[in-house]
Amino acid sequence: MPIIVPTGAEFDAAISGINNVLVQHTSGINNLITIISEQGVRISGLVFELNSIKSRVSAIEAISGKVPIHIHTSGSAPVSGAGFTETFSTSYVLADGQTSPDGRWKSIWNGGGRNECISGVMRLLPKVSTAANGLETHSCLVLSTQKFGNFQLDVDMKTTKQLRLNYPPKNWETAWIGWRYFDSIHHYYFTLKRSGCELGKKDNVEGDSSLEKQLFIRTLGAPSVTIGSFQHITITMIDFKITVSVNGVKIMDLIDVPKNAPKMSNGSVWLYCEDSLAEFDNVKISPL
């Protein structure tokens, strides 16, 4: 596949991203230039910039245990399977660790409640939090068994209701849609909150296993969640260019610069809720 090179502001962002990655992982630049040449890509400006970066990062050597640099071409990020459309027409209940009868979904945890396909939707219903101090919390997580790199994801997502009792429901206690779930500390997500919406990730550097390092990529004051109604979400991911649309209106279009590119480049689609009853329907994943 040909390498897609951004222009203008996107080119500058890409080069900035390369600089940032090189600061942490200085090995791999020679291999990158070789790969570009072998593929017959004549991009003199990019090669010149890469060599300039190389000259500014002295003594580039292979460092044992470091993560190599990866530049992903359109359609080349690793995937498993060819995508699918899911209407949740078959009823089932998933225990923690159980895979759906069609093999498409795996329940990671149900938060003391139920992860189930019922009435034509995937319903996530955790245990109700009742602590008066607001510190108790319960959530549900379901992953696709297929992994995706570059794709368009469409989903109807509904926060049926917030469940917390004896303490005001929190802003983010709604339905979430996520993608490129490599593990619990490497993934992307989008959620509609009561006060707006949020695109974020967990993107720990290699060797850092801390769980609570949630990063906010972009937050907006609108659109927000409509409790009790489905809202259609479209996510397009090409390399690290992310676009987000809600009900057919594009609200975000940006390039992320990951800290750990290899572990942020592909993974499962994930359905999630926290202290809320969430429903998902009409999931369509189209690899790009």
C-alpha atoms as a PDB file:
ATOM      1  CA  MET A   1       0.000   0.000   0.000  1.00  0.00           C
ATOM      2  CA  PRO A   2       1.276   3.532  -0.689  1.00  0.00           C
ATOM      3  CA  ILE A   3       2.197   5.741   2.218  1.00  0.00           C
ATOM      4  CA  ILE A   4      -0.229   8.601   2.704  1.00  0.00           C
ATOM      5  CA  VAL A   5       1.625  11.791   3.541  1.00  0.00           C
ATOM      6  CA  PRO A   6      -0.314  14.673   5.138  1.00  0.00           C
ATOM      7  CA  THR A   7       0.058  18.212   3.877  1.00  0.00           C
ATOM      8  CA  GLY A   8      -0.084  21.635   5.440  1.00  0.00           C
ATOM      9  CA  ALA A   9      -1.064  21.597   9.094  1.00  0.00           C
ATOM     10  CA  GLU A  10      -1.363  17.800   9.039  1.00  0.00           C
ATOM     11  CA  PHE A  11       2.191  17.491   7.689  1.00  0.00           C
ATOM     12  CA  ASP A  12       3.485  19.748  10.468  1.00  0.00           C
ATOM     13  CA  ALA A  13       1.557  17.725  13.052  1.00  0.00           C
ATOM     14  CA  ALA A  14       2.969  14.470  11.676  1.00  0.00           C
ATOM     15  CA  ILE A  15       6.527  15.793  11.789  1.00  0.00           C
ATOM     16  CA  SER A  16       5.962  17.088  15.318  1.00  0.00           C
ATOM     17  CA  GLY A  17       4.738  13.633  16.268  1.00  0.00           C
ATOM     18  CA  ILE A  18       7.853  12.024  14.834  1.00  0.00           C
ATOM     19  CA  ASN A  19      10.004  14.415  16.881  1.00  0.00           C
ATOM     20  CA  ASN A  20       8.114  13.550  20.054  1.00  0.00           C
ATOM     21  CA  VAL A  21       8.429   9.813  19.485  1.00  0.00           C
ATOM     22  CA  LEU A  22      12.133  10.071  18.741  1.00  0.00           C
ATOM     23  CA  VAL A  23      12.808  11.802  22.051  1.00  0.00           C
ATOM     24  CA  GLN A  24      11.625   8.639  23.830  1.00  0.00           C
ATOM     25  CA  HIS A  25      12.656   5.967  21.353  1.00  0.00           C
ATOM     26  CA  THR A  26      15.675   6.893  19.267  1.00  0.00           C
ATOM     27  CA  SER A  27      16.089   3.544  17.547  1.00  0.00           C
ATOM     28  CA  GLY A  28      14.463   2.763  14.243  1.00  0.00           C
ATOM     29  CA  ILE A  29      14.996   5.909  12.153  1.00  0.00           C
ATOM     30  CA  ASN A  30      17.435   4.214   9.786  1.00  0.00           C
ATOM     31  CA  ASN A  31      14.980   1.367   9.225  1.00  0.00           C
ATOM     32  CA  LEU A  32      12.230   3.909   8.564  1.00  0.00           C
ATOM     33  CA  ILE A  33      14.215   5.654   5.813  1.00  0.00           C
ATOM     34  CA  THR A  34      15.152   2.283   4.298  1.00  0.00           C
ATOM     35  CA  ILE A  35      11.503   1.171   4.254  1.00  0.00           C
ATOM     36  CA  ILE A  36      10.467   4.405   2.549  1.00  0.00           C
ATOM     37  CA  SER A  37      13.132   3.960  -0.129  1.00  0.00           C
ATOM     38  CA  GLU A  38      12.376   0.260  -0.676  1.00  0.00           C
ATOM     39  CA  GLN A  39       8.703   0.994  -1.236  1.00  0.00           C
ATOM     40  CA  GLY A  40       9.662   3.350  -4.002  1.00  0.00           C
ATOM     41  CA  VAL A  41       8.091   6.374  -2.335  1.00  0.00           C
ATOM     42  CA  ARG A  42       9.714   9.543  -3.602  1.00  0.00           C
ATOM     43  CA  ILE A  43       8.925  12.038  -0.904  1.00  0.00           C
ATOM     44  CA  SER A  44      12.002  14.177  -0.793  1.00  0.00           C
ATOM     45  CA  GLY A  45      10.601  16.626   1.727  1.00  0.00           C
ATOM     46  CA  LEU A  46       9.760  13.888   4.212  1.00  0.00           C
ATOM     47  CA  VAL A  47      13.079  12.114   3.784  1.00  0.00           C
ATOM     48  CA  PHE A  48      14.903  15.434   4.220  1.00  0.00           C
ATOM     49  CA  GLU A  49      12.970  16.143   7.411  1.00  0.00           C
ATOM     50  CA  LEU A  50      13.645  12.639   8.752  1.00  0.00           C
ATOM     51  CA  ASN A  51      17.345  13.061   8.130  1.00  0.00           C
ATOM     52  CA  SER A  52      17.229  16.447   9.847  1.00  0.00           C
ATOM     53  CA  ILE A  53      15.590  14.867  12.868  1.00  0.00           C
ATOM     54  CA  LYS A  54      18.192  12.138  12.769  1.00  0.00           C
ATOM     55  CA  SER A  55      20.989  14.668  12.874  1.00  0.00           C
ATOM     56  CA  ARG A  56      19.430  16.377  15.888  1.00  0.00           C
ATOM     57  CA  VAL A  57      19.107  13.103  17.776  1.00  0.00           C
ATOM     58  CA  SER A  58      22.698  12.028  18.181  1.00  0.00           C
ATOM     59  CA  ALA A  59      23.936   8.490  18.387  1.00  0.00           C
ATOM     60  CA  ILE A  60      20.787   6.728  17.231  1.00  0.00           C
ATOM     61  CA  GLU A  61      21.334   3.101  18.179  1.00  0.00           C
ATOM     62  CA  ALA A  62      19.289  -0.006  18.771  1.00  0.00           C
ATOM     63  CA  ILE A  63      18.420   0.047  22.453  1.00  0.00           C
ATOM     64  CA  SER A  64      17.502  -3.259  24.034  1.00  0.00           C
ATOM     65  CA  GLY A  65      14.005  -3.296  25.455  1.00  0.00           C
ATOM     66  CA  LYS A  66      12.872  -0.106  23.730  1.00  0.00           C
ATOM     67  CA  VAL A  67       9.769  -0.010  21.533  1.00  0.00           C
ATOM     68  CA  PRO A  68      10.612   0.483  17.835  1.00  0.00           C
ATOM     69  CA  ILE A  69       9.096   3.331  15.857  1.00  0.00           C
ATOM     70  CA  HIS A  70       6.215   2.444  13.549  1.00  0.00           C
ATOM     71  CA  ILE A  71       4.659   4.555  10.818  1.00  0.00           C
ATOM     72  CA  HIS A  72       1.366   3.025   9.672  1.00  0.00           C
ATOM     73  CA  THR A  73       0.128   3.239   6.120  1.00  0.00           C
ATOM     74  CA  SER A  74      -3.543   3.452   5.216  1.00  0.00           C
ATOM     75  CA  GLY A  75      -5.130   0.027   5.581  1.00  0.00           C
ATOM     76  CA  SER A  76      -1.931  -1.585   6.834  1.00  0.00           C
ATOM     77  CA  ALA A  77      -2.480  -1.573  10.589  1.00  0.00           C
ATOM     78  CA  PRO A  78      -2.917  -5.143  11.805  1.00  0.00           C
ATOM     79  CA  VAL A  79      -6.499  -6.394  11.836  1.00  0.00           C
ATOM     80  CA  SER A  80      -8.215  -9.684  12.503  1.00  0.00           C
ATOM     81  CA  GLY A  81     -11.248 -10.347  10.349  1.00  0.00           C
ATOM     82  CA  ALA A  82     -13.003  -8.220   7.781  1.00  0.00           C
ATOM     83  CA  GLY A  83     -15.434  -6.239   9.885  1.00  0.00           C
ATOM     84  CA  PHE A  84     -19.105  -6.893  10.531  1.00  0.00           C
ATOM     85  CA  THR A  85     -22.563  -5.465  11.086  1.00  0.00           C
ATOM     86  CA  GLU A  86     -24.208  -6.390  14.401  1.00  0.00           C
ATOM     87  CA  THR A  87     -27.926  -5.971  15.141  1.00  0.00           C
ATOM     88  CA  PHE A  88     -27.960  -8.156  18.277  1.00  0.00           C
ATOM     89  CA  SER A  89     -30.855 -10.281  17.043  1.00  0.00           C
ATOM     90  CA  THR A  90     -30.002 -13.322  19.204  1.00  0.00           C
ATOM     91  CA  SER A  91     -30.628 -13.178  22.969  1.00  0.00           C
ATOM     92  CA  TYR A  92     -27.963 -14.296  25.447  1.00  0.00           C
ATOM     93  CA  VAL A  93     -26.421 -13.377  28.802  1.00  0.00           C
ATOM     94  CA  LEU A  94     -22.634 -13.152  29.210  1.00  0.00           C
ATOM     95  CA  ALA A  95     -20.844 -14.007  32.432  1.00  0.00           C
ATOM     96  CA  ASP A  96     -17.446 -12.455  33.106  1.00  0.00           C
ATOM     97  CA  GLY A  97     -14.944 -13.898  30.628  1.00  0.00           C
ATOM     98  CA  GLN A  98     -17.623 -15.472  28.446  1.00  0.00           C
ATOM     99  CA  THR A  99     -17.820 -15.069  24.652  1.00  0.00           C
ATOM    100  CA  SER A 100     -21.111 -14.573  22.798  1.00  0.00           C
ATOM    101  CA  PRO A 101     -22.578 -17.527  20.841  1.00  0.00           C
ATOM    102  CA  ASP A 102     -21.672 -15.862  17.528  1.00  0.00           C
ATOM    103  CA  GLY A 103     -18.080 -15.371  18.722  1.00  0.00           C
ATOM    104  CA  ARG A 104     -18.113 -11.600  18.195  1.00  0.00           C
ATOM    105  CA  TRP A 105     -18.152 -10.272  21.772  1.00  0.00           C
ATOM    106  CA  LYS A 106     -16.448 -11.091  25.046  1.00  0.00           C
ATOM    107  CA  SER A 107     -17.657  -9.917  28.443  1.00  0.00           C
ATOM    108  CA  ILE A 108     -14.701  -8.682  30.481  1.00  0.00           C
ATOM    109  CA  TRP A 109     -16.751  -7.743  33.546  1.00  0.00           C
ATOM    110  CA  ASN A 110     -20.386  -7.003  34.378  1.00  0.00           C
ATOM    111  CA  GLY A 111     -19.900  -4.891  37.498  1.00  0.00           C
ATOM    112  CA  GLY A 112     -22.045  -7.178  39.628  1.00  0.00           C
ATOM    113  CA  GLY A 113     -24.933  -6.864  37.182  1.00  0.00           C
ATOM    114  CA  ARG A 114     -25.603  -8.211  33.682  1.00  0.00           C
ATOM    115  CA  ASN A 115     -24.132  -7.945  30.203  1.00  0.00           C
ATOM    116  CA  GLU A 116     -26.831  -9.267  27.904  1.00  0.00           C
ATOM    117  CA  CYS A 117     -28.171  -9.224  24.388  1.00  0.00           C
ATOM    118  CA  ILE A 118     -31.929  -8.733  24.734  1.00  0.00           C
ATOM    119  CA  SER A 119     -34.742  -7.140  22.715  1.00  0.00           C
ATOM    120  CA  GLY A 120     -32.399  -6.453  19.820  1.00  0.00           C
ATOM    121  CA  VAL A 121     -29.747  -4.499  21.764  1.00  0.00           C
ATOM    122  CA  MET A 122     -26.601  -5.142  23.784  1.00  0.00           C
ATOM    123  CA  ARG A 123     -27.533  -4.023  27.282  1.00  0.00           C
ATOM    124  CA  LEU A 124     -24.979  -3.287  29.993  1.00  0.00           C
ATOM    125  CA  LEU A 125     -26.430  -3.067  33.501  1.00  0.00           C
ATOM    126  CA  PRO A 126     -24.012  -2.882  36.458  1.00  0.00           C
ATOM    127  CA  LYS A 127     -24.924  -3.146  40.116  1.00  0.00           C
ATOM    128  CA  VAL A 128     -26.481   0.047  41.504  1.00  0.00           C
ATOM    129  CA  SER A 129     -24.101   2.173  43.602  1.00  0.00           C
ATOM    130  CA  THR A 130     -25.799   3.315  46.812  1.00  0.00           C
ATOM    131  CA  ALA A 131     -23.031   4.742  49.017  1.00  0.00           C
ATOM    132  CA  ALA A 132     -23.954   8.156  50.423  1.00  0.00           C
ATOM    133  CA  ASN A 133     -20.388   9.453  49.943  1.00  0.00           C
ATOM    134  CA  GLY A 134     -20.434   8.788  46.166  1.00  0.00           C
ATOM    135  CA  LEU A 135     -17.258   6.710  46.254  1.00  0.00           C
ATOM    136  CA  GLU A 136     -18.820   3.379  45.316  1.00  0.00           C
ATOM    137  CA  THR A 137     -18.830   2.671  41.591  1.00  0.00           C
ATOM    138  CA  HIS A 138     -19.697  -0.193  39.239  1.00  0.00           C
ATOM    139  CA  SER A 139     -19.150  -0.591  35.492  1.00  0.00           C
ATOM    140  CA  CYS A 140     -19.520  -3.044  32.607  1.00  0.00           C
ATOM    141  CA  LEU A 141     -17.084  -3.788  29.773  1.00  0.00           C
ATOM    142  CA  VAL A 142     -17.583  -5.865  26.612  1.00  0.00           C
ATOM    143  CA  LEU A 143     -14.926  -6.216  23.865  1.00  0.00           C
ATOM    144  CA  SER A 144     -15.123  -7.298  20.239  1.00  0.00           C
ATOM    145  CA  THR A 145     -13.124 -10.443  19.648  1.00  0.00           C
ATOM    146  CA  GLN A 146     -11.849  -9.044  16.338  1.00  0.00           C
ATOM    147  CA  LYS A 147      -9.175  -6.355  16.380  1.00  0.00           C
ATOM    148  CA  PHE A 148      -9.110  -3.358  14.086  1.00  0.00           C
ATOM    149  CA  GLY A 149      -6.519  -0.785  13.012  1.00  0.00           C
ATOM    150  CA  ASN A 150      -7.947   1.630  10.442  1.00  0.00           C
ATOM    151  CA  PHE A 151     -11.740   1.594  10.223  1.00  0.00           C
ATOM    152  CA  GLN A 152     -15.060   3.387  10.256  1.00  0.00           C
ATOM    153  CA  LEU A 153     -17.208   2.506  13.252  1.00  0.00           C
ATOM    154  CA  ASP A 154     -20.928   3.278  13.405  1.00  0.00           C
ATOM    155  CA  VAL A 155     -23.043   2.588  16.482  1.00  0.00           C
ATOM    156  CA  ASP A 156     -26.355   3.605  18.006  1.00  0.00           C
ATOM    157  CA  MET A 157     -25.638   4.312  21.672  1.00  0.00           C
ATOM    158  CA  LYS A 158     -28.130   5.058  24.439  1.00  0.00           C
ATOM    159  CA  THR A 159     -27.806   5.946  28.100  1.00  0.00           C
ATOM    160  CA  THR A 160     -31.182   4.625  29.231  1.00  0.00           C
ATOM    161  CA  LYS A 161     -30.755   6.029  32.720  1.00  0.00           C
ATOM    162  CA  GLN A 162     -28.168   6.867  35.350  1.00  0.00           C
ATOM    163  CA  LEU A 163     -28.338   4.432  38.251  1.00  0.00           C
ATOM    164  CA  ARG A 164     -26.540   6.005  41.226  1.00  0.00           C
ATOM    165  CA  LEU A 165     -28.653   6.368  44.392  1.00  0.00           C
ATOM    166  CA  ASN A 166     -28.142   8.444  47.570  1.00  0.00           C
ATOM    167  CA  TYR A 167     -25.643  10.695  45.777  1.00  0.00           C
ATOM    168  CA  PRO A 168     -26.010  12.857  42.636  1.00  0.00           C
ATOM    169  CA  PRO A 169     -25.158  10.974  39.403  1.00  0.00           C
ATOM    170  CA  LYS A 170     -21.797  12.002  38.000  1.00  0.00           C
ATOM    171  CA  ASN A 171     -21.316  13.720  34.669  1.00  0.00           C
ATOM    172  CA  TRP A 172     -19.533  10.822  32.955  1.00  0.00           C
ATOM    173  CA  GLU A 173     -21.789   8.036  34.213  1.00  0.00           C
ATOM    174  CA  THR A 174     -23.169   7.269  30.774  1.00  0.00           C
ATOM    175  CA  ALA A 175     -22.586   4.942  27.813  1.00  0.00           C
ATOM    176  CA  TRP A 176     -19.100   4.949  26.260  1.00  0.00           C
ATOM    177  CA  ILE A 177     -17.844   3.614  22.933  1.00  0.00           C
ATOM    178  CA  GLY A 178     -14.173   2.718  22.569  1.00  0.00           C
ATOM    179  CA  TRP A 179     -11.704   1.253  20.069  1.00  0.00           C
ATOM    180  CA  ARG A 180      -8.153  -0.011  19.658  1.00  0.00           C
ATOM    181  CA  TYR A 181      -8.365  -1.695  23.058  1.00  0.00           C
ATOM    182  CA  PHE A 182      -4.931  -3.296  23.369  1.00  0.00           C
ATOM    183  CA  ASP A 183      -5.177  -3.601  27.140  1.00  0.00           C
ATOM    184  CA  SER A 184      -6.477  -1.670  30.165  1.00  0.00           C
ATOM    185  CA  ILE A 185      -3.857   1.060  29.751  1.00  0.00           C
ATOM    186  CA  HIS A 186      -3.800   1.403  25.949  1.00  0.00           C
ATOM    187  CA  HIS A 187      -7.054   2.347  24.183  1.00  0.00           C
ATOM    188  CA  TYR A 188      -9.250   5.192  22.862  1.00  0.00           C
ATOM    189  CA  TYR A 189     -12.802   6.163  23.827  1.00  0.00           C
ATOM    190  CA  PHE A 190     -15.616   8.635  23.172  1.00  0.00           C
ATOM    191  CA  THR A 191     -18.520   9.437  25.469  1.00  0.00           C
ATOM    192  CA  LEU A 192     -21.485  11.782  25.551  1.00  0.00           C
ATOM    193  CA  LYS A 193     -21.765  13.282  29.032  1.00  0.00           C
ATOM    194  CA  ARG A 194     -24.466  15.427  30.599  1.00  0.00           C
ATOM    195  CA  SER A 195     -22.330  18.533  30.057  1.00  0.00           C
ATOM    196  CA  GLY A 196     -20.969  17.776  26.586  1.00  0.00           C
ATOM    197  CA  CYS A 197     -18.708  15.142  25.060  1.00  0.00           C
ATOM    198  CA  GLU A 198     -15.223  13.784  25.503  1.00  0.00           C
ATOM    199  CA  LEU A 199     -12.611  12.045  23.365  1.00  0.00           C
ATOM    200  CA  GLY A 200      -9.841  10.447  25.370  1.00  0.00           C
ATOM    201  CA  LYS A 201      -7.442   7.571  25.813  1.00  0.00           C
ATOM    202  CA  LYS A 202      -5.111   5.671  28.078  1.00  0.00           C
ATOM    203  CA  ASP A 203      -1.675   5.641  26.497  1.00  0.00           C
ATOM    204  CA  ASN A 204       0.987   4.633  29.016  1.00  0.00           C
ATOM    205  CA  VAL A 205       4.613   4.690  27.966  1.00  0.00           C
ATOM    206  CA  GLU A 206       6.380   1.356  27.835  1.00  0.00           C
ATOM    207  CA  GLY A 207       7.074   0.021  31.319  1.00  0.00           C
ATOM    208  CA  ASP A 208       4.434   2.165  33.054  1.00  0.00           C
ATOM    209  CA  SER A 209       1.620  -0.073  34.337  1.00  0.00           C
ATOM    210  CA  SER A 210      -0.288   2.597  36.280  1.00  0.00           C
ATOM    211  CA  LEU A 211      -4.009   2.180  35.667  1.00  0.00           C
ATOM    212  CA  GLU A 212      -5.400   5.655  36.263  1.00  0.00           C
ATOM    213  CA  LYS A 213      -3.658   7.714  33.602  1.00  0.00           C
ATOM    214  CA  GLN A 214      -6.669   8.786  31.590  1.00  0.00           C
ATOM    215  CA  LEU A 215      -5.851  11.495  29.037  1.00  0.00           C
ATOM    216  CA  PHE A 216      -8.390  13.903  27.578  1.00  0.00           C
ATOM    217  CA  ILE A 217      -7.701  14.502  23.878  1.00  0.00           C
ATOM    218  CA  ARG A 218     -10.623  16.888  23.339  1.00  0.00           C
ATOM    219  CA  THR A 219     -13.738  17.947  25.249  1.00  0.00           C
ATOM    220  CA  LEU A 220     -16.662  19.991  23.918  1.00  0.00           C
ATOM    221  CA  GLY A 221     -19.677  21.621  25.559  1.00  0.00           C
ATOM    222  CA  ALA A 222     -21.999  20.115  22.946  1.00  0.00           C
ATOM    223  CA  PRO A 223     -23.421  17.765  21.887  1.00  0.00           C
ATOM    224  CA  SER A 224     -24.332  16.083  25.158  1.00  0.00           C
ATOM    225  CA  VAL A 225     -26.097  12.878  26.106  1.00  0.00           C
ATOM    226  CA  THR A 226     -29.838  12.654  25.627  1.00  0.00           C
ATOM    227  CA  ILE A 227     -30.914  10.334  28.437  1.00  0.00           C
ATOM    228  CA  GLY A 228     -33.318   7.691  27.176  1.00  0.00           C
ATOM    229  CA  SER A 229     -32.644   8.194  23.448  1.00  0.00           C
ATOM    230  CA  PHE A 230     -30.320   6.529  20.963  1.00  0.00           C
ATOM    231  CA  GLN A 231     -27.652   8.787  19.454  1.00  0.00           C
ATOM    232  CA  HIS A 232     -25.720   7.692  16.371  1.00  0.00           C
ATOM    233  CA  ILE A 233     -21.933   7.837  16.707  1.00  0.00           C
ATOM    234  CA  THR A 234     -19.488   7.540  13.795  1.00  0.00           C
ATOM    235  CA  ILE A 235     -15.770   7.154  14.480  1.00  0.00           C
ATOM    236  CA  THR A 236     -13.213   7.095  11.658  1.00  0.00           C
ATOM    237  CA  MET A 237      -9.649   6.107  12.487  1.00  0.00           C
ATOM    238  CA  ILE A 238      -6.899   6.275   9.842  1.00  0.00           C
ATOM    239  CA  ASP A 239      -3.497   5.818  11.417  1.00  0.00           C
ATOM    240  CA  PHE A 240      -3.846   8.390  14.240  1.00  0.00           C
ATOM    241  CA  LYS A 241      -6.214  10.756  12.460  1.00  0.00           C
ATOM    242  CA  ILE A 242      -9.541  10.670  14.326  1.00  0.00           C
ATOM    243  CA  THR A 243     -12.897  12.021  13.218  1.00  0.00           C
ATOM    244  CA  VAL A 244     -16.042  11.869  15.351  1.00  0.00           C
ATOM    245  CA  SER A 245     -19.608  12.551  14.233  1.00  0.00           C
ATOM    246  CA  VAL A 246     -22.785  12.552  16.329  1.00  0.00           C
ATOM    247  CA  ASN A 247     -26.134  12.115  14.568  1.00  0.00           C
ATOM    248  CA  GLY A 248     -24.433  12.807  11.229  1.00  0.00           C
ATOM    249  CA  VAL A 249     -22.693  16.046  12.293  1.00  0.00           C
ATOM    250  CA  LYS A 250     -18.886  16.023  12.410  1.00  0.00           C
ATOM    251  CA  ILE A 251     -17.715  17.465  15.729  1.00  0.00           C
ATOM    252  CA  MET A 252     -14.038  16.445  15.894  1.00  0.00           C
ATOM    253  CA  ASP A 253     -11.286  16.060  13.305  1.00  0.00           C
ATOM    254  CA  LEU A 254      -7.742  15.816  14.642  1.00  0.00           C
ATOM    255  CA  ILE A 255      -4.463  13.934  14.702  1.00  0.00           C
ATOM    256  CA  ASP A 256      -3.386  12.285  17.931  1.00  0.00           C
ATOM    257  CA  VAL A 257       0.289  11.833  18.810  1.00  0.00           C
ATOM    258  CA  PRO A 258       0.467   8.638  20.884  1.00  0.00           C
ATOM    259  CA  LYS A 259       3.113   7.967  23.477  1.00  0.00           C
ATOM    260  CA  ASN A 260       3.116   4.236  22.718  1.00  0.00           C
ATOM    261  CA  ALA A 261       2.272   3.977  19.029  1.00  0.00           C
ATOM    262  CA  PRO A 262       2.640   0.178  18.642  1.00  0.00           C
ATOM    263  CA  LYS A 263       0.085  -0.497  21.378  1.00  0.00           C
ATOM    264  CA  MET A 264      -2.271   2.277  20.232  1.00  0.00           C
ATOM    265  CA  SER A 265      -2.383   1.219  16.570  1.00  0.00           C
ATOM    266  CA  ASN A 266      -4.916  -1.625  16.730  1.00  0.00           C
ATOM    267  CA  GLY A 267      -7.205  -3.464  19.102  1.00  0.00           C
ATOM    268  CA  SER A 268     -10.788  -4.351  19.983  1.00  0.00           C
ATOM    269  CA  VAL A 269     -13.870  -2.187  19.782  1.00  0.00           C
ATOM    270  CA  TRP A 270     -15.332  -1.877  23.277  1.00  0.00           C
ATOM    271  CA  LEU A 271     -18.723  -1.132  24.835  1.00  0.00           C
ATOM    272  CA  TYR A 272     -18.710   0.364  28.320  1.00  0.00           C
ATOM    273  CA  CYS A 273     -20.840   2.046  30.947  1.00  0.00           C
ATOM    274  CA  GLU A 274     -20.315   3.260  34.476  1.00  0.00           C
ATOM    275  CA  ASP A 275     -23.148   3.510  37.027  1.00  0.00           C
ATOM    276  CA  SER A 276     -25.687   3.657  34.227  1.00  0.00           C
ATOM    277  CA  LEU A 277     -27.897   1.409  32.132  1.00  0.00           C
ATOM    278  CA  ALA A 278     -26.495   1.537  28.590  1.00  0.00           C
ATOM    279  CA  GLU A 279     -27.711   0.028  25.325  1.00  0.00           C
ATOM    280  CA  PHE A 280     -25.920  -0.413  21.996  1.00  0.00           C
ATOM    281  CA  ASP A 281     -27.355  -1.347  18.603  1.00  0.00           C
ATOM    282  CA  ASN A 282     -26.512  -1.404  14.885  1.00  0.00           C
ATOM    283  CA  VAL A 283     -22.768  -1.699  15.327  1.00  0.00           C
ATOM    284  CA  LYS A 284     -21.043  -1.594  11.954  1.00  0.00           C
ATOM    285  CA  ILE A 285     -17.250  -1.860  11.677  1.00  0.00           C
ATOM    286  CA  SER A 286     -15.729  -1.320   8.247  1.00  0.00           C
ATOM    287  CA  PRO A 287     -11.928  -1.744   7.974  1.00  0.00           C
ATOM    288  CA  LEU A 288     -10.275   0.956   5.847  1.00  0.00           C
END
